[in-house]
Amino acid sequence: MDDPTESTADRISRLYVAYSRDALRLATALTGDTTLAADIVQTAFVRLLSRYRDIRGPELFYGYLRKTIVNLVRDSARRSAVEQRALRRFRRSAAADARNPINPSALVDSDAHFLSLINGLTQKQRTILVLRYFEDLSEAETASIMGVSTSSVKANTHRAMVTLRRMQEKGLT
């Protein structure tokens, strides 16, 4: 609960201390770049600072912060022509998925391994997997944060799993 005698700057400082580590972890997972992630986290905090009075309570702050980070990462990816050229699209293979289901948690024995695995995915697929398996959000929560439908989350999760399976088969993981 907010202390009515506490200044807005003190509240923001307290929120920064409480959430900056998780925010940086999320942004790094989404971007794969710690420097860019730090810039995105700072920008997210600045944006939320200007809207602090609109946030209904400090317990909701991380949800707003997470959504702001996801949107900033999405905007950054759109602006980056180099990253856009590097992104690959893979065809959907429902038959292969049904024959050989992949469990992301079985592939991952550490955050670092997970992050190295998802670097070959599109930004959208990477964002979905990070939110679903790194942040442990539901399909509905992921869809809400990304501003897409639940079916888009499902389809992109499937495509990402197919891609990860192919990478695993080729020995790239």
N, C-alpha and C. Protein backbone atom coordinates (compact mmCIF):
# COMPACT_ATOMS: atom_id res chain seq x y z
N MET A 1 0.85 -1.19 0.00
CA MET A 1 0.00 0.00 0.00
C MET A 1 0.89 1.24 0.00
N ASP A 2 0.50 2.23 -0.74
CA ASP A 2 1.27 3.47 -0.80
C ASP A 2 1.16 4.25 0.50
N ASP A 3 2.26 4.82 0.91
CA ASP A 3 2.31 5.70 2.06
C ASP A 3 1.95 7.10 1.55
N PRO A 4 0.89 7.73 2.08
CA PRO A 4 0.46 9.04 1.56
C PRO A 4 1.50 10.13 1.77
N THR A 5 2.42 9.93 2.69
CA THR A 5 3.45 10.94 2.93
C THR A 5 4.66 10.75 2.02
N GLU A 6 4.71 9.62 1.31
CA GLU A 6 5.83 9.32 0.42
C GLU A 6 5.69 10.10 -0.90
N SER A 7 6.78 10.69 -1.36
CA SER A 7 6.73 11.46 -2.61
C SER A 7 6.64 10.51 -3.80
N THR A 8 6.19 11.03 -4.93
CA THR A 8 6.12 10.24 -6.16
C THR A 8 7.49 9.73 -6.55
N ALA A 9 8.51 10.57 -6.41
CA ALA A 9 9.87 10.15 -6.75
C ALA A 9 10.31 8.98 -5.87
N ASP A 10 9.96 9.02 -4.58
CA ASP A 10 10.31 7.92 -3.68
C ASP A 10 9.56 6.64 -4.06
N ARG A 11 8.30 6.78 -4.45
CA ARG A 11 7.52 5.61 -4.88
C ARG A 11 8.14 4.99 -6.13
N ILE A 12 8.48 5.83 -7.10
CA ILE A 12 9.08 5.33 -8.33
C ILE A 12 10.43 4.68 -8.01
N SER A 13 11.21 5.28 -7.15
CA SER A 13 12.50 4.69 -6.77
C SER A 13 12.29 3.31 -6.14
N ARG A 14 11.29 3.21 -5.29
CA ARG A 14 11.00 1.94 -4.64
C ARG A 14 10.57 0.89 -5.67
N LEU A 15 9.75 1.31 -6.62
CA LEU A 15 9.31 0.39 -7.67
C LEU A 15 10.47 -0.02 -8.56
N TYR A 16 11.38 0.91 -8.84
CA TYR A 16 12.54 0.59 -9.66
C TYR A 16 13.40 -0.47 -8.97
N VAL A 17 13.65 -0.27 -7.70
CA VAL A 17 14.44 -1.25 -6.94
C VAL A 17 13.73 -2.61 -6.94
N ALA A 18 12.43 -2.59 -6.78
CA ALA A 18 11.67 -3.83 -6.69
C ALA A 18 11.60 -4.59 -8.02
N TYR A 19 11.51 -3.86 -9.15
CA TYR A 19 11.21 -4.52 -10.42
C TYR A 19 12.28 -4.42 -11.50
N SER A 20 13.32 -3.65 -11.32
CA SER A 20 14.28 -3.45 -12.41
C SER A 20 15.00 -4.73 -12.78
N ARG A 21 15.33 -5.57 -11.82
CA ARG A 21 16.04 -6.82 -12.13
C ARG A 21 15.16 -7.73 -13.00
N ASP A 22 13.90 -7.93 -12.61
CA ASP A 22 12.99 -8.76 -13.41
C ASP A 22 12.74 -8.15 -14.78
N ALA A 23 12.63 -6.83 -14.82
CA ALA A 23 12.41 -6.15 -16.09
C ALA A 23 13.60 -6.33 -17.02
N LEU A 24 14.80 -6.22 -16.48
CA LEU A 24 16.00 -6.40 -17.30
C LEU A 24 16.11 -7.84 -17.79
N ARG A 25 15.76 -8.77 -16.94
CA ARG A 25 15.78 -10.19 -17.32
C ARG A 25 14.80 -10.43 -18.47
N LEU A 26 13.60 -9.88 -18.37
CA LEU A 26 12.60 -10.02 -19.42
C LEU A 26 13.08 -9.37 -20.72
N ALA A 27 13.54 -8.14 -20.63
CA ALA A 27 13.98 -7.43 -21.84
C ALA A 27 15.17 -8.12 -22.50
N THR A 28 16.08 -8.65 -21.69
CA THR A 28 17.23 -9.37 -22.25
C THR A 28 16.77 -10.64 -22.96
N ALA A 29 15.83 -11.35 -22.36
CA ALA A 29 15.30 -12.55 -22.99
C ALA A 29 14.62 -12.23 -24.31
N LEU A 30 13.92 -11.11 -24.36
CA LEU A 30 13.20 -10.73 -25.58
C LEU A 30 14.12 -10.23 -26.68
N THR A 31 15.19 -9.53 -26.31
CA THR A 31 16.05 -8.93 -27.32
C THR A 31 17.31 -9.74 -27.61
N GLY A 32 17.78 -10.48 -26.62
CA GLY A 32 19.05 -11.19 -26.77
C GLY A 32 20.25 -10.26 -26.68
N ASP A 33 20.03 -9.03 -26.25
CA ASP A 33 21.08 -8.01 -26.22
C ASP A 33 20.96 -7.24 -24.90
N THR A 34 21.94 -7.41 -24.01
CA THR A 34 21.85 -6.79 -22.69
C THR A 34 21.89 -5.27 -22.75
N THR A 35 22.63 -4.71 -23.67
CA THR A 35 22.71 -3.25 -23.78
C THR A 35 21.37 -2.68 -24.24
N LEU A 36 20.83 -3.27 -25.29
CA LEU A 36 19.51 -2.83 -25.77
C LEU A 36 18.46 -3.05 -24.69
N ALA A 37 18.54 -4.17 -23.99
CA ALA A 37 17.59 -4.47 -22.93
C ALA A 37 17.63 -3.40 -21.84
N ALA A 38 18.83 -2.99 -21.43
CA ALA A 38 18.95 -1.96 -20.40
C ALA A 38 18.32 -0.64 -20.87
N ASP A 39 18.55 -0.29 -22.14
CA ASP A 39 17.94 0.93 -22.68
C ASP A 39 16.41 0.82 -22.68
N ILE A 40 15.91 -0.33 -23.06
CA ILE A 40 14.46 -0.53 -23.11
C ILE A 40 13.85 -0.44 -21.72
N VAL A 41 14.52 -1.04 -20.73
CA VAL A 41 14.01 -0.99 -19.35
C VAL A 41 13.97 0.46 -18.86
N GLN A 42 15.03 1.21 -19.12
CA GLN A 42 15.05 2.61 -18.69
C GLN A 42 13.93 3.40 -19.37
N THR A 43 13.75 3.17 -20.66
CA THR A 43 12.68 3.86 -21.39
C THR A 43 11.31 3.48 -20.82
N ALA A 44 11.13 2.21 -20.51
CA ALA A 44 9.86 1.76 -19.95
C ALA A 44 9.57 2.44 -18.62
N PHE A 45 10.58 2.52 -17.76
CA PHE A 45 10.37 3.20 -16.48
C PHE A 45 10.05 4.68 -16.67
N VAL A 46 10.73 5.33 -17.60
CA VAL A 46 10.45 6.75 -17.86
C VAL A 46 9.02 6.92 -18.36
N ARG A 47 8.58 6.05 -19.28
CA ARG A 47 7.21 6.15 -19.78
C ARG A 47 6.19 5.96 -18.66
N LEU A 48 6.46 4.98 -17.80
CA LEU A 48 5.50 4.73 -16.72
C LEU A 48 5.56 5.82 -15.66
N LEU A 49 6.70 6.45 -15.50
CA LEU A 49 6.82 7.56 -14.55
C LEU A 49 5.84 8.67 -14.92
N SER A 50 5.74 8.94 -16.22
CA SER A 50 4.85 10.02 -16.66
C SER A 50 3.38 9.65 -16.46
N ARG A 51 3.08 8.36 -16.32
CA ARG A 51 1.70 7.92 -16.14
C ARG A 51 1.48 7.28 -14.77
N TYR A 52 2.35 7.52 -13.84
CA TYR A 52 2.29 6.86 -12.53
C TYR A 52 0.93 7.07 -11.86
N ARG A 53 0.40 8.26 -11.94
CA ARG A 53 -0.89 8.55 -11.27
C ARG A 53 -2.04 7.74 -11.86
N ASP A 54 -1.91 7.31 -13.13
CA ASP A 54 -2.96 6.52 -13.77
C ASP A 54 -2.93 5.05 -13.37
N ILE A 55 -1.82 4.60 -12.81
CA ILE A 55 -1.70 3.21 -12.40
C ILE A 55 -2.50 3.02 -11.12
N ARG A 56 -3.39 2.08 -11.14
CA ARG A 56 -4.35 1.91 -10.05
C ARG A 56 -3.72 1.51 -8.72
N GLY A 57 -2.57 0.89 -8.74
CA GLY A 57 -1.93 0.50 -7.49
C GLY A 57 -0.55 -0.06 -7.77
N PRO A 58 0.35 0.03 -6.80
CA PRO A 58 1.71 -0.45 -7.02
C PRO A 58 1.78 -1.94 -7.33
N GLU A 59 0.79 -2.72 -6.86
CA GLU A 59 0.80 -4.15 -7.14
C GLU A 59 0.55 -4.45 -8.62
N LEU A 60 0.01 -3.48 -9.35
CA LEU A 60 -0.24 -3.64 -10.78
C LEU A 60 0.92 -3.12 -11.63
N PHE A 61 1.89 -2.51 -10.99
CA PHE A 61 2.97 -1.84 -11.71
C PHE A 61 3.74 -2.80 -12.63
N TYR A 62 4.09 -4.00 -12.13
CA TYR A 62 4.90 -4.89 -12.97
C TYR A 62 4.14 -5.32 -14.22
N GLY A 63 2.84 -5.48 -14.14
CA GLY A 63 2.06 -5.80 -15.33
C GLY A 63 2.15 -4.71 -16.38
N TYR A 64 2.03 -3.47 -15.93
CA TYR A 64 2.19 -2.34 -16.86
C TYR A 64 3.62 -2.29 -17.41
N LEU A 65 4.57 -2.52 -16.53
CA LEU A 65 5.98 -2.49 -16.95
C LEU A 65 6.25 -3.59 -17.97
N ARG A 66 5.75 -4.80 -17.72
CA ARG A 66 5.97 -5.92 -18.65
C ARG A 66 5.39 -5.59 -20.02
N LYS A 67 4.16 -5.07 -20.04
CA LYS A 67 3.52 -4.74 -21.32
C LYS A 67 4.29 -3.63 -22.04
N THR A 68 4.76 -2.64 -21.31
CA THR A 68 5.54 -1.55 -21.90
C THR A 68 6.83 -2.09 -22.50
N ILE A 69 7.49 -2.99 -21.79
CA ILE A 69 8.74 -3.58 -22.30
C ILE A 69 8.46 -4.36 -23.57
N VAL A 70 7.43 -5.18 -23.57
CA VAL A 70 7.09 -5.96 -24.77
C VAL A 70 6.82 -5.02 -25.94
N ASN A 71 6.08 -3.96 -25.72
CA ASN A 71 5.79 -3.01 -26.80
C ASN A 71 7.06 -2.30 -27.28
N LEU A 72 7.93 -1.92 -26.37
CA LEU A 72 9.19 -1.27 -26.77
C LEU A 72 10.08 -2.21 -27.56
N VAL A 73 10.12 -3.46 -27.15
CA VAL A 73 10.90 -4.45 -27.90
C VAL A 73 10.32 -4.62 -29.29
N ARG A 74 9.00 -4.68 -29.37
CA ARG A 74 8.35 -4.82 -30.67
C ARG A 74 8.68 -3.61 -31.56
N ASP A 75 8.60 -2.42 -31.00
CA ASP A 75 8.92 -1.22 -31.76
C ASP A 75 10.38 -1.22 -32.22
N SER A 76 11.26 -1.65 -31.35
CA SER A 76 12.68 -1.70 -31.67
C SER A 76 12.95 -2.67 -32.81
N ALA A 77 12.28 -3.81 -32.76
CA ALA A 77 12.46 -4.81 -33.81
C ALA A 77 11.96 -4.31 -35.16
N ARG A 78 10.87 -3.57 -35.13
CA ARG A 78 10.33 -3.02 -36.38
C ARG A 78 11.30 -2.03 -37.02
N ARG A 79 11.97 -1.26 -36.18
CA ARG A 79 12.89 -0.24 -36.70
C ARG A 79 14.21 -0.83 -37.18
N SER A 80 14.51 -2.00 -36.75
CA SER A 80 15.81 -2.58 -37.06
C SER A 80 15.78 -3.37 -38.37
N ALA A 81 16.18 -2.74 -39.45
CA ALA A 81 16.16 -3.41 -40.77
C ALA A 81 17.10 -4.60 -40.79
N VAL A 82 18.22 -4.50 -40.12
CA VAL A 82 19.18 -5.60 -40.10
C VAL A 82 18.56 -6.82 -39.43
N GLU A 83 17.90 -6.60 -38.32
CA GLU A 83 17.25 -7.72 -37.63
C GLU A 83 16.14 -8.30 -38.47
N GLN A 84 15.39 -7.44 -39.14
CA GLN A 84 14.30 -7.92 -39.98
C GLN A 84 14.81 -8.83 -41.09
N ARG A 85 15.96 -8.48 -41.71
CA ARG A 85 16.53 -9.33 -42.76
C ARG A 85 17.02 -10.65 -42.21
N ALA A 86 17.46 -10.64 -40.98
CA ALA A 86 17.99 -11.86 -40.37
C ALA A 86 16.91 -12.83 -39.92
N LEU A 87 15.69 -12.33 -39.78
CA LEU A 87 14.61 -13.21 -39.32
C LEU A 87 14.25 -14.22 -40.41
N ARG A 88 14.01 -15.41 -39.98
CA ARG A 88 13.62 -16.46 -40.93
C ARG A 88 12.21 -16.94 -40.63
N ARG A 89 11.54 -17.32 -41.70
CA ARG A 89 10.20 -17.90 -41.54
C ARG A 89 10.27 -19.38 -41.91
N PHE A 90 9.58 -20.13 -41.17
CA PHE A 90 9.56 -21.57 -41.40
C PHE A 90 8.13 -22.04 -41.65
N ARG A 91 8.03 -23.05 -42.51
CA ARG A 91 6.70 -23.60 -42.81
C ARG A 91 6.20 -24.44 -41.66
N ARG A 92 4.93 -24.40 -41.52
CA ARG A 92 4.28 -25.16 -40.46
C ARG A 92 4.22 -26.64 -40.83
N SER A 93 4.54 -27.47 -39.88
CA SER A 93 4.53 -28.91 -40.14
C SER A 93 3.75 -29.62 -39.03
N ALA A 94 2.43 -29.66 -39.19
CA ALA A 94 1.58 -30.26 -38.16
C ALA A 94 1.86 -31.75 -38.00
N ALA A 95 2.14 -32.42 -39.11
CA ALA A 95 2.40 -33.86 -39.04
C ALA A 95 3.66 -34.14 -38.21
N ALA A 96 4.72 -33.37 -38.46
CA ALA A 96 5.97 -33.56 -37.71
C ALA A 96 5.76 -33.23 -36.24
N ASP A 97 4.97 -32.20 -35.97
CA ASP A 97 4.70 -31.82 -34.59
C ASP A 97 3.93 -32.92 -33.86
N ALA A 98 2.96 -33.53 -34.55
CA ALA A 98 2.17 -34.59 -33.93
C ALA A 98 3.01 -35.83 -33.67
N ARG A 99 3.94 -36.14 -34.59
CA ARG A 99 4.80 -37.32 -34.43
C ARG A 99 5.87 -37.13 -33.36
N ASN A 100 6.36 -35.91 -33.24
CA ASN A 100 7.50 -35.68 -32.36
C ASN A 100 7.26 -34.41 -31.54
N PRO A 101 6.33 -34.45 -30.58
CA PRO A 101 6.07 -33.23 -29.80
C PRO A 101 7.30 -32.81 -29.02
N ILE A 102 7.44 -31.50 -28.90
CA ILE A 102 8.61 -30.96 -28.21
C ILE A 102 8.14 -30.23 -26.96
N ASN A 103 8.84 -30.43 -25.91
CA ASN A 103 8.54 -29.76 -24.64
C ASN A 103 9.66 -28.76 -24.39
N PRO A 104 9.37 -27.45 -24.43
CA PRO A 104 10.43 -26.46 -24.27
C PRO A 104 11.21 -26.64 -22.98
N SER A 105 10.54 -27.01 -21.91
CA SER A 105 11.26 -27.16 -20.65
C SER A 105 12.22 -28.34 -20.68
N ALA A 106 11.95 -29.34 -21.54
CA ALA A 106 12.88 -30.46 -21.65
C ALA A 106 14.15 -30.04 -22.37
N LEU A 107 14.06 -29.06 -23.24
CA LEU A 107 15.24 -28.59 -23.96
C LEU A 107 16.10 -27.67 -23.10
N VAL A 108 15.51 -27.09 -22.10
CA VAL A 108 16.16 -26.02 -21.37
C VAL A 108 16.64 -26.48 -20.01
N ASP A 109 17.94 -26.36 -19.78
CA ASP A 109 18.45 -26.68 -18.46
C ASP A 109 18.95 -25.43 -17.75
N SER A 110 18.88 -24.29 -18.41
CA SER A 110 19.23 -23.02 -17.78
C SER A 110 18.69 -21.88 -18.63
N ASP A 111 18.59 -20.70 -18.01
CA ASP A 111 18.14 -19.53 -18.76
C ASP A 111 19.04 -19.26 -19.95
N ALA A 112 20.34 -19.39 -19.77
CA ALA A 112 21.29 -19.11 -20.84
C ALA A 112 21.07 -20.05 -22.02
N HIS A 113 20.83 -21.32 -21.73
CA HIS A 113 20.59 -22.29 -22.80
C HIS A 113 19.30 -21.93 -23.54
N PHE A 114 18.26 -21.60 -22.79
CA PHE A 114 16.99 -21.20 -23.39
C PHE A 114 17.18 -20.00 -24.31
N LEU A 115 17.90 -19.00 -23.83
CA LEU A 115 18.10 -17.79 -24.62
C LEU A 115 18.90 -18.08 -25.88
N SER A 116 19.88 -18.97 -25.79
CA SER A 116 20.66 -19.30 -26.98
C SER A 116 19.80 -20.08 -27.98
N LEU A 117 18.88 -20.89 -27.49
CA LEU A 117 18.00 -21.66 -28.37
C LEU A 117 17.08 -20.76 -29.19
N ILE A 118 16.54 -19.74 -28.58
CA ILE A 118 15.50 -18.96 -29.24
C ILE A 118 16.04 -17.84 -30.13
N ASN A 119 17.36 -17.67 -30.18
CA ASN A 119 17.93 -16.61 -31.00
C ASN A 119 17.62 -16.77 -32.49
N GLY A 120 17.39 -17.99 -32.96
CA GLY A 120 17.11 -18.22 -34.37
C GLY A 120 15.65 -18.05 -34.75
N LEU A 121 14.82 -17.66 -33.80
CA LEU A 121 13.40 -17.50 -34.07
C LEU A 121 13.07 -16.06 -34.49
N THR A 122 11.89 -15.89 -35.05
CA THR A 122 11.45 -14.53 -35.37
C THR A 122 11.21 -13.79 -34.05
N GLN A 123 11.16 -12.49 -34.10
CA GLN A 123 10.94 -11.69 -32.89
C GLN A 123 9.60 -12.05 -32.24
N LYS A 124 8.59 -12.24 -33.05
CA LYS A 124 7.26 -12.58 -32.51
C LYS A 124 7.29 -13.93 -31.81
N GLN A 125 7.92 -14.93 -32.45
CA GLN A 125 8.01 -16.25 -31.85
C GLN A 125 8.83 -16.21 -30.56
N ARG A 126 9.92 -15.48 -30.61
CA ARG A 126 10.77 -15.36 -29.42
C ARG A 126 10.00 -14.72 -28.28
N THR A 127 9.26 -13.65 -28.59
CA THR A 127 8.47 -12.97 -27.57
C THR A 127 7.44 -13.92 -26.96
N ILE A 128 6.76 -14.67 -27.80
CA ILE A 128 5.75 -15.61 -27.30
C ILE A 128 6.38 -16.67 -26.41
N LEU A 129 7.49 -17.26 -26.84
CA LEU A 129 8.12 -18.30 -26.01
C LEU A 129 8.65 -17.74 -24.70
N VAL A 130 9.21 -16.55 -24.74
CA VAL A 130 9.71 -15.93 -23.51
C VAL A 130 8.55 -15.69 -22.54
N LEU A 131 7.46 -15.13 -23.04
CA LEU A 131 6.32 -14.87 -22.16
C LEU A 131 5.68 -16.17 -21.65
N ARG A 132 5.57 -17.17 -22.53
CA ARG A 132 4.92 -18.42 -22.14
C ARG A 132 5.79 -19.26 -21.21
N TYR A 133 7.07 -19.44 -21.54
CA TYR A 133 7.89 -20.40 -20.81
C TYR A 133 8.92 -19.77 -19.88
N PHE A 134 9.31 -18.55 -20.13
CA PHE A 134 10.28 -17.86 -19.29
C PHE A 134 9.55 -17.08 -18.21
N GLU A 135 8.44 -16.42 -18.59
CA GLU A 135 7.63 -15.67 -17.64
C GLU A 135 6.46 -16.51 -17.11
N ASP A 136 6.26 -17.70 -17.68
CA ASP A 136 5.24 -18.65 -17.24
C ASP A 136 3.82 -18.05 -17.30
N LEU A 137 3.51 -17.39 -18.41
CA LEU A 137 2.18 -16.81 -18.61
C LEU A 137 1.32 -17.75 -19.44
N SER A 138 0.03 -17.62 -19.31
CA SER A 138 -0.90 -18.42 -20.11
C SER A 138 -0.95 -17.88 -21.54
N GLU A 139 -1.60 -18.65 -22.41
CA GLU A 139 -1.77 -18.18 -23.79
C GLU A 139 -2.59 -16.88 -23.81
N ALA A 140 -3.61 -16.82 -22.98
CA ALA A 140 -4.46 -15.62 -22.94
C ALA A 140 -3.69 -14.41 -22.44
N GLU A 141 -2.89 -14.59 -21.39
CA GLU A 141 -2.09 -13.48 -20.87
C GLU A 141 -1.07 -13.01 -21.90
N THR A 142 -0.43 -13.97 -22.58
CA THR A 142 0.54 -13.64 -23.62
C THR A 142 -0.13 -12.87 -24.75
N ALA A 143 -1.29 -13.34 -25.18
CA ALA A 143 -2.03 -12.67 -26.26
C ALA A 143 -2.39 -11.24 -25.85
N SER A 144 -2.82 -11.07 -24.62
CA SER A 144 -3.20 -9.75 -24.14
C SER A 144 -2.01 -8.79 -24.14
N ILE A 145 -0.88 -9.24 -23.64
CA ILE A 145 0.31 -8.40 -23.59
C ILE A 145 0.78 -8.01 -24.98
N MET A 146 0.72 -8.96 -25.91
CA MET A 146 1.21 -8.70 -27.26
C MET A 146 0.19 -8.03 -28.17
N GLY A 147 -1.06 -7.99 -27.72
CA GLY A 147 -2.10 -7.39 -28.55
C GLY A 147 -2.45 -8.23 -29.76
N VAL A 148 -2.39 -9.56 -29.60
CA VAL A 148 -2.74 -10.49 -30.67
C VAL A 148 -3.79 -11.46 -30.14
N SER A 149 -4.33 -12.29 -31.03
CA SER A 149 -5.33 -13.28 -30.61
C SER A 149 -4.64 -14.48 -29.97
N THR A 150 -5.42 -15.22 -29.20
CA THR A 150 -4.91 -16.45 -28.60
C THR A 150 -4.52 -17.45 -29.68
N SER A 151 -5.27 -17.48 -30.78
CA SER A 151 -4.93 -18.40 -31.87
C SER A 151 -3.60 -18.03 -32.50
N SER A 152 -3.27 -16.75 -32.55
CA SER A 152 -1.96 -16.33 -33.05
C SER A 152 -0.85 -16.82 -32.13
N VAL A 153 -1.09 -16.75 -30.82
CA VAL A 153 -0.11 -17.26 -29.86
C VAL A 153 0.08 -18.75 -30.07
N LYS A 154 -1.01 -19.49 -30.22
CA LYS A 154 -0.93 -20.94 -30.43
C LYS A 154 -0.18 -21.27 -31.71
N ALA A 155 -0.53 -20.59 -32.80
CA ALA A 155 0.10 -20.87 -34.09
C ALA A 155 1.59 -20.55 -34.07
N ASN A 156 1.94 -19.42 -33.49
CA ASN A 156 3.34 -19.04 -33.44
C ASN A 156 4.13 -19.90 -32.47
N THR A 157 3.51 -20.38 -31.41
CA THR A 157 4.18 -21.33 -30.52
C THR A 157 4.48 -22.61 -31.28
N HIS A 158 3.50 -23.07 -32.04
CA HIS A 158 3.70 -24.28 -32.85
C HIS A 158 4.85 -24.09 -33.84
N ARG A 159 4.84 -22.98 -34.57
CA ARG A 159 5.91 -22.72 -35.55
C ARG A 159 7.28 -22.66 -34.87
N ALA A 160 7.33 -22.02 -33.72
CA ALA A 160 8.59 -21.93 -32.99
C ALA A 160 9.07 -23.30 -32.56
N MET A 161 8.16 -24.15 -32.11
CA MET A 161 8.53 -25.50 -31.68
C MET A 161 9.05 -26.32 -32.86
N VAL A 162 8.40 -26.16 -34.02
CA VAL A 162 8.88 -26.85 -35.22
C VAL A 162 10.30 -26.39 -35.55
N THR A 163 10.53 -25.10 -35.48
CA THR A 163 11.85 -24.55 -35.76
C THR A 163 12.88 -25.07 -34.76
N LEU A 164 12.53 -25.07 -33.49
CA LEU A 164 13.45 -25.58 -32.48
C LEU A 164 13.74 -27.06 -32.70
N ARG A 165 12.74 -27.83 -33.07
CA ARG A 165 12.94 -29.25 -33.35
C ARG A 165 13.91 -29.43 -34.50
N ARG A 166 13.72 -28.65 -35.57
CA ARG A 166 14.62 -28.74 -36.73
C ARG A 166 16.05 -28.38 -36.34
N MET A 167 16.17 -27.34 -35.52
CA MET A 167 17.51 -26.96 -35.05
C MET A 167 18.12 -28.08 -34.23
N GLN A 168 17.32 -28.73 -33.42
CA GLN A 168 17.79 -29.84 -32.58
C GLN A 168 18.24 -30.99 -33.45
N GLU A 169 17.45 -31.32 -34.48
CA GLU A 169 17.77 -32.42 -35.40
C GLU A 169 19.06 -32.15 -36.16
N LYS A 170 19.31 -30.90 -36.48
CA LYS A 170 20.52 -30.52 -37.22
C LYS A 170 21.71 -30.34 -36.30
N GLY A 171 21.47 -30.49 -35.00
CA GLY A 171 22.57 -30.35 -34.05
C GLY A 171 22.95 -28.92 -33.75
N LEU A 172 22.02 -28.00 -33.97
CA LEU A 172 22.31 -26.58 -33.74
C LEU A 172 22.01 -26.16 -32.31
N THR A 173 21.44 -27.05 -31.52
CA THR A 173 21.10 -26.69 -30.15
C THR A 173 22.09 -27.27 -29.18
